[in-house]
Every structure is written in C-alpha cells, then in structure tokens.
C-alpha cells in the first residue's frame, strides 16, 4: 500500500525585485519553466521573505498545509534557514523540510538549472 503523495512547492524570493543580483534573470520565466516541467506541485513569488510580512506569508501559506518539501530560491540557503526559523517554529513546520538554493547573480537559464538540481538532489536523483 502506498503512503500519501508527497507535495512540494517552490517560492522565489527576489529581494524586492530591485536588487542588482536579480536583474539578469526573468523571474517569471524561471517560475513558468518550473511550473511547466511540473518539478513541484505549485510555485509562488514573494518580494522579500525576510521581512515581517514574509514571516506572515510563510505562516499563512504553511499552517495546516500538506507540504512535505518547501523549496526556496533566493539568497544563501544557510541564511534562509536562520531567517525562517521563527515563522516555522510558530506553526510547527519542520525546518528540515526547507530546501534552499542561492540564485543571486544568475541569468534565467542558470537559475532554472540551479532549481532543477536542488529538486533533483532532494528527490534522490
């Protein structure tokens, strides 16, 4: 008997959309590629997950949600783990279910490939 289906989502965080480190990529094309390739169950965009409203967003998105893995493409994954600690703790979301990748200073193709690799590693490829 199979267990419940694993569900995953990708959030793209783009430092307000004004940071020079994101100027070389088409963020919507990155999300569309991931969506079209069905690499995850859903994709989303937030301008600054490290801000107070980012904490609220994460809590509202994840509380009671059936999400096995949350992928976040944005800044350094170690920084993401630190920044998201409080909102995750507030809703008892296991931080081990967060998988991050740094896509700063990449173009559209490079960012998409970095996300593909992250998801492939997490899925055991």
PDB file of N, CA and C in Angstrom:
ATOM      1  N   UNK A   1       0.836  -1.179   0.000  1.00  0.00           N
ATOM      2  CA  UNK A   1       0.000   0.000   0.000  1.00  0.00           C
ATOM      3  C   UNK A   1       0.882   1.245   0.000  1.00  0.00           C
ATOM      4  N   UNK A   2       0.590   2.163  -0.878  1.00  0.00           N
ATOM      5  CA  UNK A   2       1.376   3.385  -0.976  1.00  0.00           C
ATOM      6  C   UNK A   2       0.956   4.382   0.088  1.00  0.00           C
ATOM      7  N   UNK A   3       1.922   5.195   0.551  1.00  0.00           N
ATOM      8  CA  UNK A   3       1.625   6.255   1.501  1.00  0.00           C
ATOM      9  C   UNK A   3       1.042   7.458   0.787  1.00  0.00           C
ATOM     10  N   UNK A   4       0.746   8.492   1.544  1.00  0.00           N
ATOM     11  CA  UNK A   4       0.195   9.699   0.921  1.00  0.00           C
ATOM     12  C   UNK A   4       1.201  10.312  -0.051  1.00  0.00           C
ATOM     13  N   UNK A   5       0.666  10.946  -1.077  1.00  0.00           N
ATOM     14  CA  UNK A   5       1.527  11.588  -2.075  1.00  0.00           C
ATOM     15  C   UNK A   5       2.341  12.693  -1.428  1.00  0.00           C
ATOM     16  N   UNK A   6       3.580  12.789  -1.842  1.00  0.00           N
ATOM     17  CA  UNK A   6       4.440  13.868  -1.342  1.00  0.00           C
ATOM     18  C   UNK A   6       4.100  15.130  -2.111  1.00  0.00           C
ATOM     19  N   UNK A   7       3.977  16.244  -1.390  1.00  0.00           N
ATOM     20  CA  UNK A   7       3.637  17.524  -2.001  1.00  0.00           C
ATOM     21  C   UNK A   7       4.790  18.481  -1.775  1.00  0.00           C
ATOM     22  N   UNK A   8       5.081  19.278  -2.793  1.00  0.00           N
ATOM     23  CA  UNK A   8       6.168  20.244  -2.673  1.00  0.00           C
ATOM     24  C   UNK A   8       5.820  21.517  -3.421  1.00  0.00           C
ATOM     25  N   UNK A   9       6.452  22.585  -2.997  1.00  0.00           N
ATOM     26  CA  UNK A   9       6.247  23.866  -3.651  1.00  0.00           C
ATOM     27  C   UNK A   9       7.539  24.651  -3.701  1.00  0.00           C
ATOM     28  N   UNK A  10       7.586  25.608  -4.613  1.00  0.00           N
ATOM     29  CA  UNK A  10       8.751  26.470  -4.773  1.00  0.00           C
ATOM     30  C   UNK A  10       8.337  27.918  -4.573  1.00  0.00           C
ATOM     31  N   UNK A  11       9.047  28.604  -3.694  1.00  0.00           N
ATOM     32  CA  UNK A  11       8.897  30.043  -3.549  1.00  0.00           C
ATOM     33  C   UNK A  11      10.151  30.706  -4.097  1.00  0.00           C
ATOM     34  N   UNK A  12       9.945  31.701  -4.910  1.00  0.00           N
ATOM     35  CA  UNK A  12      11.041  32.504  -5.434  1.00  0.00           C
ATOM     36  C   UNK A  12      11.019  33.821  -4.669  1.00  0.00           C
ATOM     37  N   UNK A  13      12.118  34.153  -4.027  1.00  0.00           N
ATOM     38  CA  UNK A  13      12.236  35.392  -3.270  1.00  0.00           C
ATOM     39  C   UNK A  13      13.272  36.257  -3.983  1.00  0.00           C
ATOM     40  N   UNK A  14      12.908  37.502  -4.299  1.00  0.00           N
ATOM     41  CA  UNK A  14      13.734  38.301  -5.204  1.00  0.00           C
ATOM     42  C   UNK A  14      14.241  39.630  -4.622  1.00  0.00           C
ATOM     43  N   UNK A  15      14.421  39.700  -3.321  1.00  0.00           N
ATOM     44  CA  UNK A  15      14.998  40.910  -2.705  1.00  0.00           C
ATOM     45  C   UNK A  15      14.327  42.183  -3.236  1.00  0.00           C
ATOM     46  N   UNK A  16      13.027  42.238  -3.137  1.00  0.00           N
ATOM     47  CA  UNK A  16      12.196  43.361  -3.540  1.00  0.00           C
ATOM     48  C   UNK A  16      12.126  43.585  -5.046  1.00  0.00           C
ATOM     49  N   UNK A  17      12.830  42.773  -5.804  1.00  0.00           N
ATOM     50  CA  UNK A  17      12.835  42.951  -7.251  1.00  0.00           C
ATOM     51  C   UNK A  17      13.724  44.086  -7.717  1.00  0.00           C
ATOM     52  N   UNK A  18      14.383  44.751  -6.784  1.00  0.00           N
ATOM     53  CA  UNK A  18      15.241  45.883  -7.138  1.00  0.00           C
ATOM     54  C   UNK A  18      16.723  45.600  -6.939  1.00  0.00           C
ATOM     55  N   UNK A  19      17.035  44.479  -6.317  1.00  0.00           N
ATOM     56  CA  UNK A  19      18.428  44.136  -6.044  1.00  0.00           C
ATOM     57  C   UNK A  19      19.148  43.837  -7.362  1.00  0.00           C
ATOM     58  N   UNK A  20      20.316  44.415  -7.567  1.00  0.00           N
ATOM     59  CA  UNK A  20      21.059  44.160  -8.812  1.00  0.00           C
ATOM     60  C   UNK A  20      21.351  42.678  -9.057  1.00  0.00           C
ATOM     61  N   UNK A  21      21.378  41.871  -8.013  1.00  0.00           N
ATOM     62  CA  UNK A  21      21.708  40.456  -8.186  1.00  0.00           C
ATOM     63  C   UNK A  21      20.592  39.661  -8.866  1.00  0.00           C
ATOM     64  N   UNK A  22      19.426  40.281  -9.100  1.00  0.00           N
ATOM     65  CA  UNK A  22      18.338  39.609  -9.798  1.00  0.00           C
ATOM     66  C   UNK A  22      18.024  40.249 -11.145  1.00  0.00           C
ATOM     67  N   UNK A  23      18.796  41.217 -11.550  1.00  0.00           N
ATOM     68  CA  UNK A  23      18.495  41.956 -12.774  1.00  0.00           C
ATOM     69  C   UNK A  23      18.769  41.163 -14.048  1.00  0.00           C
ATOM     70  N   UNK A  24      19.585  40.125 -13.973  1.00  0.00           N
ATOM     71  CA  UNK A  24      19.924  39.355 -15.165  1.00  0.00           C
ATOM     72  C   UNK A  24      18.976  38.206 -15.468  1.00  0.00           C
ATOM     73  N   UNK A  25      17.924  38.060 -14.646  1.00  0.00           N
ATOM     74  CA  UNK A  25      17.012  36.933 -14.881  1.00  0.00           C
ATOM     75  C   UNK A  25      15.578  37.418 -15.033  1.00  0.00           C
ATOM     76  N   UNK A  26      14.837  36.658 -15.803  1.00  0.00           N
ATOM     77  CA  UNK A  26      13.408  36.877 -15.947  1.00  0.00           C
ATOM     78  C   UNK A  26      12.737  35.973 -14.914  1.00  0.00           C
ATOM     79  N   UNK A  27      12.360  36.541 -13.778  1.00  0.00           N
ATOM     80  CA  UNK A  27      11.856  35.735 -12.673  1.00  0.00           C
ATOM     81  C   UNK A  27      10.569  34.993 -13.038  1.00  0.00           C
ATOM     82  N   UNK A  28       9.752  35.605 -13.867  1.00  0.00           N
ATOM     83  CA  UNK A  28       8.512  34.937 -14.256  1.00  0.00           C
ATOM     84  C   UNK A  28       8.786  33.756 -15.185  1.00  0.00           C
ATOM     85  N   UNK A  29       9.789  33.870 -16.022  1.00  0.00           N
ATOM     86  CA  UNK A  29      10.147  32.743 -16.881  1.00  0.00           C
ATOM     87  C   UNK A  29      10.716  31.599 -16.047  1.00  0.00           C
ATOM     88  N   UNK A  30      11.499  31.908 -15.023  1.00  0.00           N
ATOM     89  CA  UNK A  30      12.008  30.856 -14.135  1.00  0.00           C
ATOM     90  C   UNK A  30      10.826  30.099 -13.524  1.00  0.00           C
ATOM     91  N   UNK A  31       9.866  30.838 -12.966  1.00  0.00           N
ATOM     92  CA  UNK A  31       8.701  30.194 -12.356  1.00  0.00           C
ATOM     93  C   UNK A  31       7.902  29.393 -13.378  1.00  0.00           C
ATOM     94  N   UNK A  32       7.737  29.945 -14.572  1.00  0.00           N
ATOM     95  CA  UNK A  32       6.983  29.232 -15.603  1.00  0.00           C
ATOM     96  C   UNK A  32       7.673  27.949 -16.037  1.00  0.00           C
ATOM     97  N   UNK A  33       8.985  27.961 -16.141  1.00  0.00           N
ATOM     98  CA  UNK A  33       9.703  26.742 -16.518  1.00  0.00           C
ATOM     99  C   UNK A  33       9.504  25.654 -15.466  1.00  0.00           C
ATOM    100  N   UNK A  34       9.652  26.032 -14.205  1.00  0.00           N
ATOM    101  CA  UNK A  34       9.482  25.056 -13.119  1.00  0.00           C
ATOM    102  C   UNK A  34       8.051  24.527 -13.122  1.00  0.00           C
ATOM    103  N   UNK A  35       7.096  25.406 -13.334  1.00  0.00           N
ATOM    104  CA  UNK A  35       5.683  25.031 -13.363  1.00  0.00           C
ATOM    105  C   UNK A  35       5.385  24.124 -14.548  1.00  0.00           C
ATOM    106  N   UNK A  36       5.847  24.524 -15.727  1.00  0.00           N
ATOM    107  CA  UNK A  36       5.569  23.729 -16.938  1.00  0.00           C
ATOM    108  C   UNK A  36       6.216  22.344 -16.878  1.00  0.00           C
ATOM    109  N   UNK A  37       7.386  22.263 -16.259  1.00  0.00           N
ATOM    110  CA  UNK A  37       8.074  20.981 -16.134  1.00  0.00           C
ATOM    111  C   UNK A  37       7.515  20.144 -14.982  1.00  0.00           C
ATOM    112  N   UNK A  38       6.574  20.716 -14.235  1.00  0.00           N
ATOM    113  CA  UNK A  38       5.945  20.028 -13.098  1.00  0.00           C
ATOM    114  C   UNK A  38       6.983  19.510 -12.102  1.00  0.00           C
ATOM    115  N   UNK A  39       7.989  20.331 -11.834  1.00  0.00           N
ATOM    116  CA  UNK A  39       9.022  19.945 -10.881  1.00  0.00           C
ATOM    117  C   UNK A  39       8.494  19.947  -9.450  1.00  0.00           C
ATOM    118  N   UNK A  40       7.465  20.764  -9.204  1.00  0.00           N
ATOM    119  CA  UNK A  40       6.811  20.859  -7.902  1.00  0.00           C
ATOM    120  C   UNK A  40       5.305  20.961  -8.128  1.00  0.00           C
ATOM    121  N   UNK A  41       4.551  20.897  -7.050  1.00  0.00           N
ATOM    122  CA  UNK A  41       3.096  20.978  -7.162  1.00  0.00           C
ATOM    123  C   UNK A  41       2.599  22.405  -7.365  1.00  0.00           C
ATOM    124  N   UNK A  42       3.345  23.388  -6.871  1.00  0.00           N
ATOM    125  CA  UNK A  42       2.958  24.784  -7.038  1.00  0.00           C
ATOM    126  C   UNK A  42       4.189  25.676  -6.962  1.00  0.00           C
ATOM    127  N   UNK A  43       4.073  26.872  -7.517  1.00  0.00           N
ATOM    128  CA  UNK A  43       5.134  27.873  -7.451  1.00  0.00           C
ATOM    129  C   UNK A  43       4.544  29.174  -6.921  1.00  0.00           C
ATOM    130  N   UNK A  44       5.406  29.978  -6.321  1.00  0.00           N
ATOM    131  CA  UNK A  44       4.977  31.272  -5.814  1.00  0.00           C
ATOM    132  C   UNK A  44       6.122  32.257  -5.823  1.00  0.00           C
ATOM    133  N   UNK A  45       5.769  33.503  -5.682  1.00  0.00           N
ATOM    134  CA  UNK A  45       6.742  34.593  -5.707  1.00  0.00           C
ATOM    135  C   UNK A  45       6.486  35.498  -4.509  1.00  0.00           C
ATOM    136  N   UNK A  46       7.541  35.895  -3.829  1.00  0.00           N
ATOM    137  CA  UNK A  46       7.426  36.883  -2.758  1.00  0.00           C
ATOM    138  C   UNK A  46       8.586  37.862  -2.913  1.00  0.00           C
ATOM    139  N   UNK A  47       8.316  39.151  -2.726  1.00  0.00           N
ATOM    140  CA  UNK A  47       9.382  40.124  -2.936  1.00  0.00           C
ATOM    141  C   UNK A  47      10.450  40.133  -1.845  1.00  0.00           C
ATOM    142  N   UNK A  48      10.124  39.704  -0.618  1.00  0.00           N
ATOM    143  CA  UNK A  48      11.118  39.761   0.447  1.00  0.00           C
ATOM    144  C   UNK A  48      10.678  38.905   1.635  1.00  0.00           C
ATOM    145  N   UNK A  49      10.958  37.613   1.576  1.00  0.00           N
ATOM    146  CA  UNK A  49      10.538  36.700   2.634  1.00  0.00           C
ATOM    147  C   UNK A  49      11.188  37.008   3.980  1.00  0.00           C
ATOM    148  N   UNK A  50      12.308  37.716   3.989  1.00  0.00           N
ATOM    149  CA  UNK A  50      12.982  38.020   5.251  1.00  0.00           C
ATOM    150  C   UNK A  50      12.356  39.212   5.980  1.00  0.00           C
ATOM    151  N   UNK A  51      11.393  39.880   5.379  1.00  0.00           N
ATOM    152  CA  UNK A  51      10.698  40.999   6.027  1.00  0.00           C
ATOM    153  C   UNK A  51       9.583  40.454   6.926  1.00  0.00           C
ATOM    154  N   UNK A  52       9.049  41.321   7.784  1.00  0.00           N
ATOM    155  CA  UNK A  52       7.987  40.898   8.698  1.00  0.00           C
ATOM    156  C   UNK A  52       6.799  40.307   7.957  1.00  0.00           C
ATOM    157  N   UNK A  53       6.406  40.913   6.833  1.00  0.00           N
ATOM    158  CA  UNK A  53       5.275  40.355   6.099  1.00  0.00           C
ATOM    159  C   UNK A  53       5.640  39.024   5.446  1.00  0.00           C
ATOM    160  N   UNK A  54       6.924  38.774   5.239  1.00  0.00           N
ATOM    161  CA  UNK A  54       7.369  37.473   4.751  1.00  0.00           C
ATOM    162  C   UNK A  54       7.126  36.397   5.796  1.00  0.00           C
ATOM    163  N   UNK A  55       7.356  36.731   7.069  1.00  0.00           N
ATOM    164  CA  UNK A  55       7.052  35.796   8.154  1.00  0.00           C
ATOM    165  C   UNK A  55       5.566  35.445   8.148  1.00  0.00           C
ATOM    166  N   UNK A  56       4.729  36.469   8.023  1.00  0.00           N
ATOM    167  CA  UNK A  56       3.278  36.257   7.999  1.00  0.00           C
ATOM    168  C   UNK A  56       2.901  35.399   6.792  1.00  0.00           C
ATOM    169  N   UNK A  57       3.472  35.710   5.643  1.00  0.00           N
ATOM    170  CA  UNK A  57       3.198  34.951   4.419  1.00  0.00           C
ATOM    171  C   UNK A  57       3.527  33.475   4.609  1.00  0.00           C
ATOM    172  N   UNK A  58       4.728  33.187   5.124  1.00  0.00           N
ATOM    173  CA  UNK A  58       5.137  31.798   5.333  1.00  0.00           C
ATOM    174  C   UNK A  58       4.193  31.092   6.297  1.00  0.00           C
ATOM    175  N   UNK A  59       3.838  31.758   7.379  1.00  0.00           N
ATOM    176  CA  UNK A  59       2.946  31.141   8.364  1.00  0.00           C
ATOM    177  C   UNK A  59       1.577  30.848   7.762  1.00  0.00           C
ATOM    178  N   UNK A  60       1.025  31.796   7.038  1.00  0.00           N
ATOM    179  CA  UNK A  60      -0.297  31.597   6.439  1.00  0.00           C
ATOM    180  C   UNK A  60      -0.262  30.529   5.347  1.00  0.00           C
ATOM    181  N   UNK A  61       0.790  30.527   4.573  1.00  0.00           N
ATOM    182  CA  UNK A  61       0.918  29.551   3.494  1.00  0.00           C
ATOM    183  C   UNK A  61       1.043  28.129   4.023  1.00  0.00           C
ATOM    184  N   UNK A  62       1.815  27.962   5.092  1.00  0.00           N
ATOM    185  CA  UNK A  62       2.189  26.627   5.526  1.00  0.00           C
ATOM    186  C   UNK A  62       1.381  26.065   6.683  1.00  0.00           C
ATOM    187  N   UNK A  63       0.694  26.908   7.440  1.00  0.00           N
ATOM    188  CA  UNK A  63      -0.011  26.345   8.601  1.00  0.00           C
ATOM    189  C   UNK A  63      -1.143  25.437   8.129  1.00  0.00           C
ATOM    190  N   UNK A  64      -1.095  24.217   8.610  1.00  0.00           N
ATOM    191  CA  UNK A  64      -2.095  23.242   8.243  1.00  0.00           C
ATOM    192  C   UNK A  64      -1.975  22.723   6.817  1.00  0.00           C
ATOM    193  N   UNK A  65      -0.965  23.172   6.085  1.00  0.00           N
ATOM    194  CA  UNK A  65      -0.800  22.760   4.685  1.00  0.00           C
ATOM    195  C   UNK A  65      -0.158  21.380   4.616  1.00  0.00           C
ATOM    196  N   UNK A  66      -0.469  20.679   3.563  1.00  0.00           N
ATOM    197  CA  UNK A  66       0.100  19.363   3.309  1.00  0.00           C
ATOM    198  C   UNK A  66       1.310  19.533   2.399  1.00  0.00           C
ATOM    199  N   UNK A  67       2.390  20.064   2.959  1.00  0.00           N
ATOM    200  CA  UNK A  67       3.612  20.340   2.199  1.00  0.00           C
ATOM    201  C   UNK A  67       4.748  19.529   2.810  1.00  0.00           C
ATOM    202  N   UNK A  68       5.278  18.602   2.030  1.00  0.00           N
ATOM    203  CA  UNK A  68       6.390  17.795   2.510  1.00  0.00           C
ATOM    204  C   UNK A  68       7.721  18.529   2.363  1.00  0.00           C
ATOM    205  N   UNK A  69       7.886  19.264   1.239  1.00  0.00           N
ATOM    206  CA  UNK A  69       9.135  19.976   0.994  1.00  0.00           C
ATOM    207  C   UNK A  69       8.816  21.360   0.458  1.00  0.00           C
ATOM    208  N   UNK A  70       9.436  22.359   1.087  1.00  0.00           N
ATOM    209  CA  UNK A  70       9.342  23.730   0.613  1.00  0.00           C
ATOM    210  C   UNK A  70      10.700  24.110   0.044  1.00  0.00           C
ATOM    211  N   UNK A  71      10.729  24.391  -1.256  1.00  0.00           N
ATOM    212  CA  UNK A  71      11.943  24.859  -1.907  1.00  0.00           C
ATOM    213  C   UNK A  71      11.877  26.383  -1.960  1.00  0.00           C
ATOM    214  N   UNK A  72      12.994  27.021  -1.627  1.00  0.00           N
ATOM    215  CA  UNK A  72      13.069  28.476  -1.720  1.00  0.00           C
ATOM    216  C   UNK A  72      14.310  28.825  -2.530  1.00  0.00           C
ATOM    217  N   UNK A  73      14.097  29.537  -3.619  1.00  0.00           N
ATOM    218  CA  UNK A  73      15.190  30.037  -4.451  1.00  0.00           C
ATOM    219  C   UNK A  73      15.296  31.527  -4.185  1.00  0.00           C
ATOM    220  N   UNK A  74      16.447  31.949  -3.736  1.00  0.00           N
ATOM    221  CA  UNK A  74      16.645  33.357  -3.384  1.00  0.00           C
ATOM    222  C   UNK A  74      18.078  33.574  -2.944  1.00  0.00           C
ATOM    223  N   UNK A  75      18.239  33.893  -1.664  1.00  0.00           N
ATOM    224  CA  UNK A  75      19.570  34.143  -1.119  1.00  0.00           C
ATOM    225  C   UNK A  75      20.191  32.839  -0.605  1.00  0.00           C
ATOM    226  N   UNK A  76      21.281  32.960   0.109  1.00  0.00           N
ATOM    227  CA  UNK A  76      22.025  31.818   0.633  1.00  0.00           C
ATOM    228  C   UNK A  76      21.134  30.900   1.477  1.00  0.00           C
ATOM    229  N   UNK A  77      21.151  29.600   1.214  1.00  0.00           N
ATOM    230  CA  UNK A  77      20.300  28.660   1.959  1.00  0.00           C
ATOM    231  C   UNK A  77      20.542  28.663   3.467  1.00  0.00           C
ATOM    232  N   UNK A  78      21.774  28.897   3.891  1.00  0.00           N
ATOM    233  CA  UNK A  78      22.042  28.962   5.342  1.00  0.00           C
ATOM    234  C   UNK A  78      21.344  30.166   5.954  1.00  0.00           C
ATOM    235  N   UNK A  79      21.327  31.273   5.215  1.00  0.00           N
ATOM    236  CA  UNK A  79      20.635  32.466   5.685  1.00  0.00           C
ATOM    237  C   UNK A  79      19.130  32.211   5.727  1.00  0.00           C
ATOM    238  N   UNK A  80      18.604  31.524   4.719  1.00  0.00           N
ATOM    239  CA  UNK A  80      17.177  31.209   4.703  1.00  0.00           C
ATOM    240  C   UNK A  80      16.794  30.423   5.956  1.00  0.00           C
ATOM    241  N   UNK A  81      17.583  29.422   6.304  1.00  0.00           N
ATOM    242  CA  UNK A  81      17.274  28.596   7.477  1.00  0.00           C
ATOM    243  C   UNK A  81      17.215  29.450   8.740  1.00  0.00           C
ATOM    244  N   UNK A  82      18.108  30.411   8.852  1.00  0.00           N
ATOM    245  CA  UNK A  82      18.102  31.301  10.015  1.00  0.00           C
ATOM    246  C   UNK A  82      16.910  32.257   9.974  1.00  0.00           C
ATOM    247  N   UNK A  83      16.657  32.840   8.812  1.00  0.00           N
ATOM    248  CA  UNK A  83      15.601  33.838   8.686  1.00  0.00           C
ATOM    249  C   UNK A  83      14.207  33.254   8.894  1.00  0.00           C
ATOM    250  N   UNK A  84      14.003  32.011   8.499  1.00  0.00           N
ATOM    251  CA  UNK A  84      12.671  31.419   8.561  1.00  0.00           C
ATOM    252  C   UNK A  84      12.429  30.627   9.841  1.00  0.00           C
ATOM    253  N   UNK A  85      13.407  30.590  10.741  1.00  0.00           N
ATOM    254  CA  UNK A  85      13.289  29.802  11.967  1.00  0.00           C
ATOM    255  C   UNK A  85      12.047  30.179  12.777  1.00  0.00           C
ATOM    256  N   UNK A  86      11.844  31.462  13.038  1.00  0.00           N
ATOM    257  CA  UNK A  86      10.717  31.885  13.876  1.00  0.00           C
ATOM    258  C   UNK A  86       9.359  31.598  13.248  1.00  0.00           C
ATOM    259  N   UNK A  87       9.131  31.945  11.980  1.00  0.00           N
ATOM    260  CA  UNK A  87       7.812  31.611  11.426  1.00  0.00           C
ATOM    261  C   UNK A  87       7.558  30.106  11.366  1.00  0.00           C
ATOM    262  N   UNK A  88       8.591  29.312  11.105  1.00  0.00           N
ATOM    263  CA  UNK A  88       8.419  27.859  11.077  1.00  0.00           C
ATOM    264  C   UNK A  88       8.073  27.335  12.464  1.00  0.00           C
ATOM    265  N   UNK A  89       8.792  27.844  13.488  1.00  0.00           N
ATOM    266  CA  UNK A  89       8.520  27.402  14.856  1.00  0.00           C
ATOM    267  C   UNK A  89       7.108  27.778  15.284  1.00  0.00           C
ATOM    268  N   UNK A  90       6.636  28.931  14.857  1.00  0.00           N
ATOM    269  CA  UNK A  90       5.303  29.405  15.249  1.00  0.00           C
ATOM    270  C   UNK A  90       4.191  28.468  14.775  1.00  0.00           C
ATOM    271  N   UNK A  91       4.436  27.734  13.690  1.00  0.00           N
ATOM    272  CA  UNK A  91       3.397  26.836  13.155  1.00  0.00           C
ATOM    273  C   UNK A  91       3.841  25.372  13.184  1.00  0.00           C
ATOM    274  N   UNK A  92       4.951  25.101  13.864  1.00  0.00           N
ATOM    275  CA  UNK A  92       5.489  23.738  13.973  1.00  0.00           C
ATOM    276  C   UNK A  92       5.792  23.115  12.617  1.00  0.00           C
ATOM    277  N   UNK A  93       6.344  23.908  11.714  1.00  0.00           N
ATOM    278  CA  UNK A  93       6.783  23.391  10.418  1.00  0.00           C
ATOM    279  C   UNK A  93       8.238  22.962  10.572  1.00  0.00           C
ATOM    280  N   UNK A  94       8.515  21.714  10.310  1.00  0.00           N
ATOM    281  CA  UNK A  94       9.855  21.148  10.474  1.00  0.00           C
ATOM    282  C   UNK A  94      10.834  21.832   9.519  1.00  0.00           C
ATOM    283  N   UNK A  95      11.847  22.481  10.075  1.00  0.00           N
ATOM    284  CA  UNK A  95      12.840  23.198   9.250  1.00  0.00           C
ATOM    285  C   UNK A  95      13.589  22.280   8.304  1.00  0.00           C
ATOM    286  N   UNK A  96      13.630  20.998   8.583  1.00  0.00           N
ATOM    287  CA  UNK A  96      14.297  20.051   7.685  1.00  0.00           C
ATOM    288  C   UNK A  96      13.543  19.885   6.370  1.00  0.00           C
ATOM    289  N   UNK A  97      12.325  20.370   6.322  1.00  0.00           N
ATOM    290  CA  UNK A  97      11.539  20.289   5.089  1.00  0.00           C
ATOM    291  C   UNK A  97      11.821  21.469   4.159  1.00  0.00           C
ATOM    292  N   UNK A  98      12.656  22.401   4.606  1.00  0.00           N
ATOM    293  CA  UNK A  98      13.084  23.534   3.780  1.00  0.00           C
ATOM    294  C   UNK A  98      14.342  23.151   3.016  1.00  0.00           C
ATOM    295  N   UNK A  99      14.317  23.376   1.712  1.00  0.00           N
ATOM    296  CA  UNK A  99      15.483  23.167   0.855  1.00  0.00           C
ATOM    297  C   UNK A  99      15.691  24.453   0.075  1.00  0.00           C
ATOM    298  N   UNK A 100      16.846  25.066   0.243  1.00  0.00           N
ATOM    299  CA  UNK A 100      17.091  26.346  -0.398  1.00  0.00           C
ATOM    300  C   UNK A 100      18.229  26.313  -1.400  1.00  0.00           C
ATOM    301  N   UNK A 101      18.181  27.293  -2.289  1.00  0.00           N
ATOM    302  CA  UNK A 101      19.242  27.459  -3.271  1.00  0.00           C
ATOM    303  C   UNK A 101      19.445  28.950  -3.516  1.00  0.00           C
ATOM    304  N   UNK A 102      20.699  29.339  -3.639  1.00  0.00           N
ATOM    305  CA  UNK A 102      21.074  30.723  -3.916  1.00  0.00           C
ATOM    306  C   UNK A 102      21.070  30.934  -5.430  1.00  0.00           C
ATOM    307  N   UNK A 103      20.224  31.833  -5.901  1.00  0.00           N
ATOM    308  CA  UNK A 103      20.160  32.106  -7.341  1.00  0.00           C
ATOM    309  C   UNK A 103      20.561  33.550  -7.666  1.00  0.00           C
ATOM    310  N   UNK A 104      21.161  34.228  -6.715  1.00  0.00           N
ATOM    311  CA  UNK A 104      21.599  35.599  -6.976  1.00  0.00           C
ATOM    312  C   UNK A 104      22.679  35.620  -8.058  1.00  0.00           C
ATOM    313  N   UNK A 105      22.675  36.680  -8.823  1.00  0.00           N
ATOM    314  CA  UNK A 105      23.671  36.904  -9.888  1.00  0.00           C
ATOM    315  C   UNK A 105      23.651  35.830 -10.969  1.00  0.00           C
ATOM    316  N   UNK A 106      22.488  35.241 -11.188  1.00  0.00           N
ATOM    317  CA  UNK A 106      22.334  34.256 -12.258  1.00  0.00           C
ATOM    318  C   UNK A 106      21.399  34.818 -13.315  1.00  0.00           C
ATOM    319  N   UNK A 107      21.512  34.256 -14.523  1.00  0.00           N
ATOM    320  CA  UNK A 107      20.535  34.603 -15.547  1.00  0.00           C
ATOM    321  C   UNK A 107      19.393  33.580 -15.470  1.00  0.00           C
ATOM    322  N   UNK A 108      18.432  33.691 -16.347  1.00  0.00           N
ATOM    323  CA  UNK A 108      17.253  32.835 -16.321  1.00  0.00           C
ATOM    324  C   UNK A 108      17.608  31.360 -16.440  1.00  0.00           C
ATOM    325  N   UNK A 109      18.476  31.023 -17.389  1.00  0.00           N
ATOM    326  CA  UNK A 109      18.860  29.624 -17.592  1.00  0.00           C
ATOM    327  C   UNK A 109      19.613  29.071 -16.386  1.00  0.00           C
ATOM    328  N   UNK A 110      20.541  29.848 -15.847  1.00  0.00           N
ATOM    329  CA  UNK A 110      21.326  29.395 -14.705  1.00  0.00           C
ATOM    330  C   UNK A 110      20.441  29.182 -13.476  1.00  0.00           C
ATOM    331  N   UNK A 111      19.527  30.099 -13.233  1.00  0.00           N
ATOM    332  CA  UNK A 111      18.636  29.978 -12.077  1.00  0.00           C
ATOM    333  C   UNK A 111      17.739  28.754 -12.212  1.00  0.00           C
ATOM    334  N   UNK A 112      17.205  28.549 -13.405  1.00  0.00           N
ATOM    335  CA  UNK A 112      16.342  27.391 -13.631  1.00  0.00           C
ATOM    336  C   UNK A 112      17.119  26.098 -13.400  1.00  0.00           C
ATOM    337  N   UNK A 113      18.329  26.037 -13.909  1.00  0.00           N
ATOM    338  CA  UNK A 113      19.144  24.832 -13.740  1.00  0.00           C
ATOM    339  C   UNK A 113      19.498  24.604 -12.269  1.00  0.00           C
ATOM    340  N   UNK A 114      19.797  25.659 -11.529  1.00  0.00           N
ATOM    341  CA  UNK A 114      20.103  25.526 -10.096  1.00  0.00           C
ATOM    342  C   UNK A 114      18.894  24.964  -9.340  1.00  0.00           C
ATOM    343  N   UNK A 115      17.709  25.403  -9.706  1.00  0.00           N
ATOM    344  CA  UNK A 115      16.487  24.902  -9.071  1.00  0.00           C
ATOM    345  C   UNK A 115      16.261  23.440  -9.449  1.00  0.00           C
ATOM    346  N   UNK A 116      16.455  23.098 -10.713  1.00  0.00           N
ATOM    347  CA  UNK A 116      16.332  21.700 -11.145  1.00  0.00           C
ATOM    348  C   UNK A 116      17.265  20.792 -10.338  1.00  0.00           C
ATOM    349  N   UNK A 117      18.508  21.227 -10.186  1.00  0.00           N
ATOM    350  CA  UNK A 117      19.492  20.439  -9.438  1.00  0.00           C
ATOM    351  C   UNK A 117      19.083  20.289  -7.977  1.00  0.00           C
ATOM    352  N   UNK A 118      18.601  21.375  -7.365  1.00  0.00           N
ATOM    353  CA  UNK A 118      18.157  21.324  -5.971  1.00  0.00           C
ATOM    354  C   UNK A 118      17.035  20.298  -5.820  1.00  0.00           C
ATOM    355  N   UNK A 119      16.045  20.364  -6.668  1.00  0.00           N
ATOM    356  CA  UNK A 119      14.911  19.457  -6.569  1.00  0.00           C
ATOM    357  C   UNK A 119      15.339  18.029  -6.870  1.00  0.00           C
ATOM    358  N   UNK A 120      16.224  17.846  -7.835  1.00  0.00           N
ATOM    359  CA  UNK A 120      16.736  16.511  -8.156  1.00  0.00           C
ATOM    360  C   UNK A 120      17.471  15.886  -6.992  1.00  0.00           C
ATOM    361  N   UNK A 121      18.295  16.675  -6.299  1.00  0.00           N
ATOM    362  CA  UNK A 121      19.019  16.160  -5.128  1.00  0.00           C
ATOM    363  C   UNK A 121      18.053  15.774  -4.022  1.00  0.00           C
ATOM    364  N   UNK A 122      17.064  16.602  -3.797  1.00  0.00           N
ATOM    365  CA  UNK A 122      16.105  16.331  -2.731  1.00  0.00           C
ATOM    366  C   UNK A 122      15.268  15.090  -3.053  1.00  0.00           C
ATOM    367  N   UNK A 123      15.035  14.847  -4.323  1.00  0.00           N
ATOM    368  CA  UNK A 123      14.231  13.697  -4.740  1.00  0.00           C
ATOM    369  C   UNK A 123      15.079  12.436  -4.886  1.00  0.00           C
ATOM    370  N   UNK A 124      16.396  12.555  -4.674  1.00  0.00           N
ATOM    371  CA  UNK A 124      17.253  11.390  -4.714  1.00  0.00           C
ATOM    372  C   UNK A 124      17.814  11.035  -6.069  1.00  0.00           C
ATOM    373  N   UNK A 125      17.817  11.984  -6.990  1.00  0.00           N
ATOM    374  CA  UNK A 125      18.373  11.694  -8.326  1.00  0.00           C
ATOM    375  C   UNK A 125      19.883  11.575  -8.255  1.00  0.00           C
TER     376      UNK A 125
END
